[in-house]
PDB file of N, CA and C in Angstrom:
ATOM      1  N   UNK A   1     -51.441  45.776 -37.296  1.00  0.00           N
ATOM      2  CA  UNK A   1     -52.602  46.614 -37.076  1.00  0.00           C
ATOM      3  C   UNK A   1     -53.715  46.080 -37.954  1.00  0.00           C
ATOM      4  N   UNK A   2     -54.876  45.830 -37.398  1.00  0.00           N
ATOM      5  CA  UNK A   2     -55.935  45.265 -38.229  1.00  0.00           C
ATOM      6  C   UNK A   2     -56.659  46.359 -39.010  1.00  0.00           C
ATOM      7  N   UNK A   3     -57.361  45.946 -40.051  1.00  0.00           N
ATOM      8  CA  UNK A   3     -57.995  46.902 -40.953  1.00  0.00           C
ATOM      9  C   UNK A   3     -59.109  47.693 -40.289  1.00  0.00           C
ATOM     10  N   UNK A   4     -59.723  47.161 -39.227  1.00  0.00           N
ATOM     11  CA  UNK A   4     -60.789  47.899 -38.543  1.00  0.00           C
ATOM     12  C   UNK A   4     -60.223  49.133 -37.853  1.00  0.00           C
ATOM     13  N   UNK A   5     -58.986  49.058 -37.390  1.00  0.00           N
ATOM     14  CA  UNK A   5     -58.373  50.175 -36.694  1.00  0.00           C
ATOM     15  C   UNK A   5     -57.876  51.227 -37.677  1.00  0.00           C
ATOM     16  N   UNK A   6     -57.192  50.804 -38.727  1.00  0.00           N
ATOM     17  CA  UNK A   6     -56.592  51.769 -39.650  1.00  0.00           C
ATOM     18  C   UNK A   6     -57.504  52.150 -40.787  1.00  0.00           C
ATOM     19  N   UNK A   7     -58.621  51.469 -40.946  1.00  0.00           N
ATOM     20  CA  UNK A   7     -59.547  51.789 -42.026  1.00  0.00           C
ATOM     21  C   UNK A   7     -59.041  51.239 -43.345  1.00  0.00           C
ATOM     22  N   UNK A   8     -59.593  51.751 -44.426  1.00  0.00           N
ATOM     23  CA  UNK A   8     -59.196  51.294 -45.753  1.00  0.00           C
ATOM     24  C   UNK A   8     -58.003  52.132 -46.203  1.00  0.00           C
ATOM     25  N   UNK A   9     -56.810  51.566 -46.142  1.00  0.00           N
ATOM     26  CA  UNK A   9     -55.585  52.304 -46.463  1.00  0.00           C
ATOM     27  C   UNK A   9     -54.720  51.468 -47.396  1.00  0.00           C
ATOM     28  N   UNK A  10     -55.029  51.468 -48.688  1.00  0.00           N
ATOM     29  CA  UNK A  10     -54.252  50.649 -49.616  1.00  0.00           C
ATOM     30  C   UNK A  10     -52.774  51.045 -49.672  1.00  0.00           C
ATOM     31  N   UNK A  11     -52.466  52.317 -49.473  1.00  0.00           N
ATOM     32  CA  UNK A  11     -51.060  52.740 -49.476  1.00  0.00           C
ATOM     33  C   UNK A  11     -50.331  52.088 -48.296  1.00  0.00           C
ATOM     34  N   UNK A  12     -50.975  52.087 -47.144  1.00  0.00           N
ATOM     35  CA  UNK A  12     -50.383  51.462 -45.963  1.00  0.00           C
ATOM     36  C   UNK A  12     -50.189  49.965 -46.198  1.00  0.00           C
ATOM     37  N   UNK A  13     -51.207  49.319 -46.779  1.00  0.00           N
ATOM     38  CA  UNK A  13     -51.095  47.886 -47.075  1.00  0.00           C
ATOM     39  C   UNK A  13     -49.916  47.609 -48.006  1.00  0.00           C
ATOM     40  N   UNK A  14     -49.710  48.465 -49.003  1.00  0.00           N
ATOM     41  CA  UNK A  14     -48.600  48.281 -49.942  1.00  0.00           C
ATOM     42  C   UNK A  14     -47.252  48.464 -49.238  1.00  0.00           C
ATOM     43  N   UNK A  15     -47.173  49.468 -48.370  1.00  0.00           N
ATOM     44  CA  UNK A  15     -45.928  49.674 -47.614  1.00  0.00           C
ATOM     45  C   UNK A  15     -45.623  48.475 -46.717  1.00  0.00           C
ATOM     46  N   UNK A  16     -46.646  47.935 -46.089  1.00  0.00           N
ATOM     47  CA  UNK A  16     -46.461  46.746 -45.238  1.00  0.00           C
ATOM     48  C   UNK A  16     -45.932  45.599 -46.088  1.00  0.00           C
ATOM     49  N   UNK A  17     -46.504  45.417 -47.261  1.00  0.00           N
ATOM     50  CA  UNK A  17     -46.072  44.331 -48.135  1.00  0.00           C
ATOM     51  C   UNK A  17     -44.624  44.533 -48.590  1.00  0.00           C
ATOM     52  N   UNK A  18     -44.240  45.776 -48.848  1.00  0.00           N
ATOM     53  CA  UNK A  18     -42.888  46.051 -49.346  1.00  0.00           C
ATOM     54  C   UNK A  18     -41.843  46.082 -48.232  1.00  0.00           C
ATOM     55  N   UNK A  19     -42.171  46.710 -47.124  1.00  0.00           N
ATOM     56  CA  UNK A  19     -41.167  46.978 -46.084  1.00  0.00           C
ATOM     57  C   UNK A  19     -41.359  46.184 -44.803  1.00  0.00           C
ATOM     58  N   UNK A  20     -42.485  45.539 -44.646  1.00  0.00           N
ATOM     59  CA  UNK A  20     -42.780  44.852 -43.395  1.00  0.00           C
ATOM     60  C   UNK A  20     -43.530  45.791 -42.459  1.00  0.00           C
ATOM     61  N   UNK A  21     -44.065  45.249 -41.400  1.00  0.00           N
ATOM     62  CA  UNK A  21     -44.847  46.043 -40.442  1.00  0.00           C
ATOM     63  C   UNK A  21     -43.896  46.625 -39.402  1.00  0.00           C
ATOM     64  N   UNK A  22     -43.300  47.749 -39.742  1.00  0.00           N
ATOM     65  CA  UNK A  22     -42.283  48.370 -38.895  1.00  0.00           C
ATOM     66  C   UNK A  22     -42.825  48.722 -37.513  1.00  0.00           C
ATOM     67  N   UNK A  23     -43.999  49.356 -37.391  1.00  0.00           N
ATOM     68  CA  UNK A  23     -44.482  49.664 -36.037  1.00  0.00           C
ATOM     69  C   UNK A  23     -44.627  48.423 -35.143  1.00  0.00           C
ATOM     70  N   UNK A  24     -45.093  47.331 -35.717  1.00  0.00           N
ATOM     71  CA  UNK A  24     -45.226  46.102 -34.933  1.00  0.00           C
ATOM     72  C   UNK A  24     -43.856  45.566 -34.537  1.00  0.00           C
ATOM     73  N   UNK A  25     -42.904  45.613 -35.468  1.00  0.00           N
ATOM     74  CA  UNK A  25     -41.542  45.159 -35.162  1.00  0.00           C
ATOM     75  C   UNK A  25     -40.913  46.015 -34.068  1.00  0.00           C
ATOM     76  N   UNK A  26     -41.087  47.320 -34.158  1.00  0.00           N
ATOM     77  CA  UNK A  26     -40.525  48.233 -33.156  1.00  0.00           C
ATOM     78  C   UNK A  26     -41.156  47.965 -31.796  1.00  0.00           C
ATOM     79  N   UNK A  27     -42.461  47.770 -31.760  1.00  0.00           N
ATOM     80  CA  UNK A  27     -43.156  47.489 -30.502  1.00  0.00           C
ATOM     81  C   UNK A  27     -42.617  46.205 -29.874  1.00  0.00           C
ATOM     82  N   UNK A  28     -42.426  45.170 -30.689  1.00  0.00           N
ATOM     83  CA  UNK A  28     -41.927  43.893 -30.178  1.00  0.00           C
ATOM     84  C   UNK A  28     -40.522  44.051 -29.595  1.00  0.00           C
ATOM     85  N   UNK A  29     -39.639  44.747 -30.325  1.00  0.00           N
ATOM     86  CA  UNK A  29     -38.265  44.945 -29.849  1.00  0.00           C
ATOM     87  C   UNK A  29     -38.255  45.789 -28.573  1.00  0.00           C
ATOM     88  N   UNK A  30     -39.119  46.805 -28.509  1.00  0.00           N
ATOM     89  CA  UNK A  30     -39.191  47.646 -27.311  1.00  0.00           C
ATOM     90  C   UNK A  30     -39.641  46.832 -26.098  1.00  0.00           C
ATOM     91  N   UNK A  31     -40.617  45.963 -26.287  1.00  0.00           N
ATOM     92  CA  UNK A  31     -41.080  45.124 -25.179  1.00  0.00           C
ATOM     93  C   UNK A  31     -39.995  44.155 -24.721  1.00  0.00           C
ATOM     94  N   UNK A  32     -39.264  43.567 -25.679  1.00  0.00           N
ATOM     95  CA  UNK A  32     -38.164  42.667 -25.326  1.00  0.00           C
ATOM     96  C   UNK A  32     -37.068  43.417 -24.576  1.00  0.00           C
ATOM     97  N   UNK A  33     -36.757  44.622 -25.030  1.00  0.00           N
ATOM     98  CA  UNK A  33     -35.732  45.428 -24.378  1.00  0.00           C
ATOM     99  C   UNK A  33     -36.150  45.796 -22.966  1.00  0.00           C
ATOM    100  N   UNK A  34     -37.399  46.189 -22.798  1.00  0.00           N
ATOM    101  CA  UNK A  34     -37.899  46.522 -21.466  1.00  0.00           C
ATOM    102  C   UNK A  34     -37.797  45.323 -20.533  1.00  0.00           C
ATOM    103  N   UNK A  35     -38.132  44.140 -21.021  1.00  0.00           N
ATOM    104  CA  UNK A  35     -38.028  42.931 -20.211  1.00  0.00           C
ATOM    105  C   UNK A  35     -36.576  42.678 -19.800  1.00  0.00           C
ATOM    106  N   UNK A  36     -35.650  42.820 -20.751  1.00  0.00           N
ATOM    107  CA  UNK A  36     -34.231  42.607 -20.450  1.00  0.00           C
ATOM    108  C   UNK A  36     -33.704  43.630 -19.450  1.00  0.00           C
ATOM    109  N   UNK A  37     -34.088  44.887 -19.616  1.00  0.00           N
ATOM    110  CA  UNK A  37     -33.631  45.930 -18.695  1.00  0.00           C
ATOM    111  C   UNK A  37     -34.203  45.704 -17.305  1.00  0.00           C
ATOM    112  N   UNK A  38     -35.461  45.313 -17.243  1.00  0.00           N
ATOM    113  CA  UNK A  38     -36.083  45.042 -15.944  1.00  0.00           C
ATOM    114  C   UNK A  38     -35.338  43.932 -15.216  1.00  0.00           C
ATOM    115  N   UNK A  39     -34.985  42.872 -15.947  1.00  0.00           N
ATOM    116  CA  UNK A  39     -34.220  41.781 -15.327  1.00  0.00           C
ATOM    117  C   UNK A  39     -32.836  42.239 -14.911  1.00  0.00           C
ATOM    118  N   UNK A  40     -32.190  43.021 -15.761  1.00  0.00           N
ATOM    119  CA  UNK A  40     -30.820  43.470 -15.472  1.00  0.00           C
ATOM    120  C   UNK A  40     -30.774  44.421 -14.279  1.00  0.00           C
ATOM    121  N   UNK A  41     -31.817  45.197 -14.089  1.00  0.00           N
ATOM    122  CA  UNK A  41     -31.825  46.195 -13.021  1.00  0.00           C
ATOM    123  C   UNK A  41     -32.481  45.688 -11.740  1.00  0.00           C
ATOM    124  N   UNK A  42     -32.845  44.421 -11.691  1.00  0.00           N
ATOM    125  CA  UNK A  42     -33.482  43.858 -10.504  1.00  0.00           C
ATOM    126  C   UNK A  42     -32.409  43.436  -9.510  1.00  0.00           C
ATOM    127  N   UNK A  43     -32.221  44.226  -8.479  1.00  0.00           N
ATOM    128  CA  UNK A  43     -31.219  43.934  -7.460  1.00  0.00           C
ATOM    129  C   UNK A  43     -31.845  43.332  -6.214  1.00  0.00           C
ATOM    130  N   UNK A  44     -33.113  42.935  -6.302  1.00  0.00           N
ATOM    131  CA  UNK A  44     -33.810  42.440  -5.123  1.00  0.00           C
ATOM    132  C   UNK A  44     -33.202  41.137  -4.592  1.00  0.00           C
ATOM    133  N   UNK A  45     -32.570  40.362  -5.470  1.00  0.00           N
ATOM    134  CA  UNK A  45     -31.981  39.103  -5.026  1.00  0.00           C
ATOM    135  C   UNK A  45     -30.634  39.275  -4.344  1.00  0.00           C
ATOM    136  N   UNK A  46     -30.098  40.486  -4.395  1.00  0.00           N
ATOM    137  CA  UNK A  46     -28.799  40.730  -3.775  1.00  0.00           C
ATOM    138  C   UNK A  46     -29.004  41.210  -2.351  1.00  0.00           C
ATOM    139  N   UNK A  47     -28.341  40.578  -1.442  1.00  0.00           N
ATOM    140  CA  UNK A  47     -28.413  41.032  -0.062  1.00  0.00           C
ATOM    141  C   UNK A  47     -27.160  41.848   0.238  1.00  0.00           C
ATOM    142  N   UNK A  48     -27.206  42.586   1.281  1.00  0.00           N
ATOM    143  CA  UNK A  48     -26.002  43.295   1.710  1.00  0.00           C
ATOM    144  C   UNK A  48     -24.985  42.285   2.220  1.00  0.00           C
ATOM    145  N   UNK A  49     -23.756  42.689   2.285  1.00  0.00           N
ATOM    146  CA  UNK A  49     -22.744  41.775   2.790  1.00  0.00           C
ATOM    147  C   UNK A  49     -22.966  41.558   4.284  1.00  0.00           C
ATOM    148  N   UNK A  50     -22.536  40.395   4.802  1.00  0.00           N
ATOM    149  CA  UNK A  50     -22.750  40.098   6.223  1.00  0.00           C
ATOM    150  C   UNK A  50     -22.111  41.171   7.104  1.00  0.00           C
ATOM    151  N   UNK A  51     -22.828  41.578   8.100  1.00  0.00           N
ATOM    152  CA  UNK A  51     -22.317  42.578   9.028  1.00  0.00           C
ATOM    153  C   UNK A  51     -22.535  44.004   8.553  1.00  0.00           C
ATOM    154  N   UNK A  52     -23.031  44.161   7.346  1.00  0.00           N
ATOM    155  CA  UNK A  52     -23.251  45.505   6.809  1.00  0.00           C
ATOM    156  C   UNK A  52     -24.549  46.053   7.347  1.00  0.00           C
ATOM    157  N   UNK A  53     -24.481  47.234   7.917  1.00  0.00           N
ATOM    158  CA  UNK A  53     -25.704  47.914   8.327  1.00  0.00           C
ATOM    159  C   UNK A  53     -25.801  49.206   7.532  1.00  0.00           C
ATOM    160  N   UNK A  54     -26.957  49.467   7.092  1.00  0.00           N
ATOM    161  CA  UNK A  54     -27.190  50.658   6.287  1.00  0.00           C
ATOM    162  C   UNK A  54     -27.118  51.905   7.140  1.00  0.00           C
ATOM    163  N   UNK A  55     -26.432  52.891   6.642  1.00  0.00           N
ATOM    164  CA  UNK A  55     -26.369  54.167   7.338  1.00  0.00           C
ATOM    165  C   UNK A  55     -27.635  54.951   6.991  1.00  0.00           C
ATOM    166  N   UNK A  56     -28.304  55.497   7.993  1.00  0.00           N
ATOM    167  CA  UNK A  56     -29.497  56.287   7.696  1.00  0.00           C
ATOM    168  C   UNK A  56     -29.091  57.622   7.058  1.00  0.00           C
ATOM    169  N   UNK A  57     -29.993  58.179   6.300  1.00  0.00           N
ATOM    170  CA  UNK A  57     -29.737  59.502   5.723  1.00  0.00           C
ATOM    171  C   UNK A  57     -29.673  60.515   6.852  1.00  0.00           C
ATOM    172  N   UNK A  58     -28.818  61.539   6.729  1.00  0.00           N
ATOM    173  CA  UNK A  58     -28.786  62.564   7.780  1.00  0.00           C
ATOM    174  C   UNK A  58     -30.094  63.363   7.748  1.00  0.00           C
ATOM    175  N   UNK A  59     -30.469  63.922   8.869  1.00  0.00           N
ATOM    176  CA  UNK A  59     -31.712  64.704   8.887  1.00  0.00           C
ATOM    177  C   UNK A  59     -31.593  65.925   7.983  1.00  0.00           C
ATOM    178  N   UNK A  60     -32.723  66.341   7.464  1.00  0.00           N
ATOM    179  CA  UNK A  60     -32.738  67.528   6.609  1.00  0.00           C
ATOM    180  C   UNK A  60     -32.454  68.767   7.453  1.00  0.00           C
ATOM    181  N   UNK A  61     -31.734  69.728   6.873  1.00  0.00           N
ATOM    182  CA  UNK A  61     -31.455  70.944   7.640  1.00  0.00           C
ATOM    183  C   UNK A  61     -32.748  71.692   7.974  1.00  0.00           C
ATOM    184  N   UNK A  62     -32.771  72.280   9.146  1.00  0.00           N
ATOM    185  CA  UNK A  62     -33.947  73.034   9.579  1.00  0.00           C
ATOM    186  C   UNK A  62     -33.993  74.361   8.838  1.00  0.00           C
ATOM    187  N   UNK A  63     -35.194  74.756   8.503  1.00  0.00           N
ATOM    188  CA  UNK A  63     -35.294  76.098   8.036  1.00  0.00           C
ATOM    189  C   UNK A  63     -35.723  76.431   6.754  1.00  0.00           C
TER     190      UNK A  63
END
């Protein structure tokens, strides 16, 4: 986070120096995880087995 966004925060600067920039690290890990999950859940490359026809959903009950 740059100083223009957070303002003058010497306590924050000291925490960053001591512990690292945790929010930035968390954001990076979250983005990497989202990318991995998106790849893992992408079934678009899978086709149905040969001869398989999808059954349509039954019509909704009237009323």
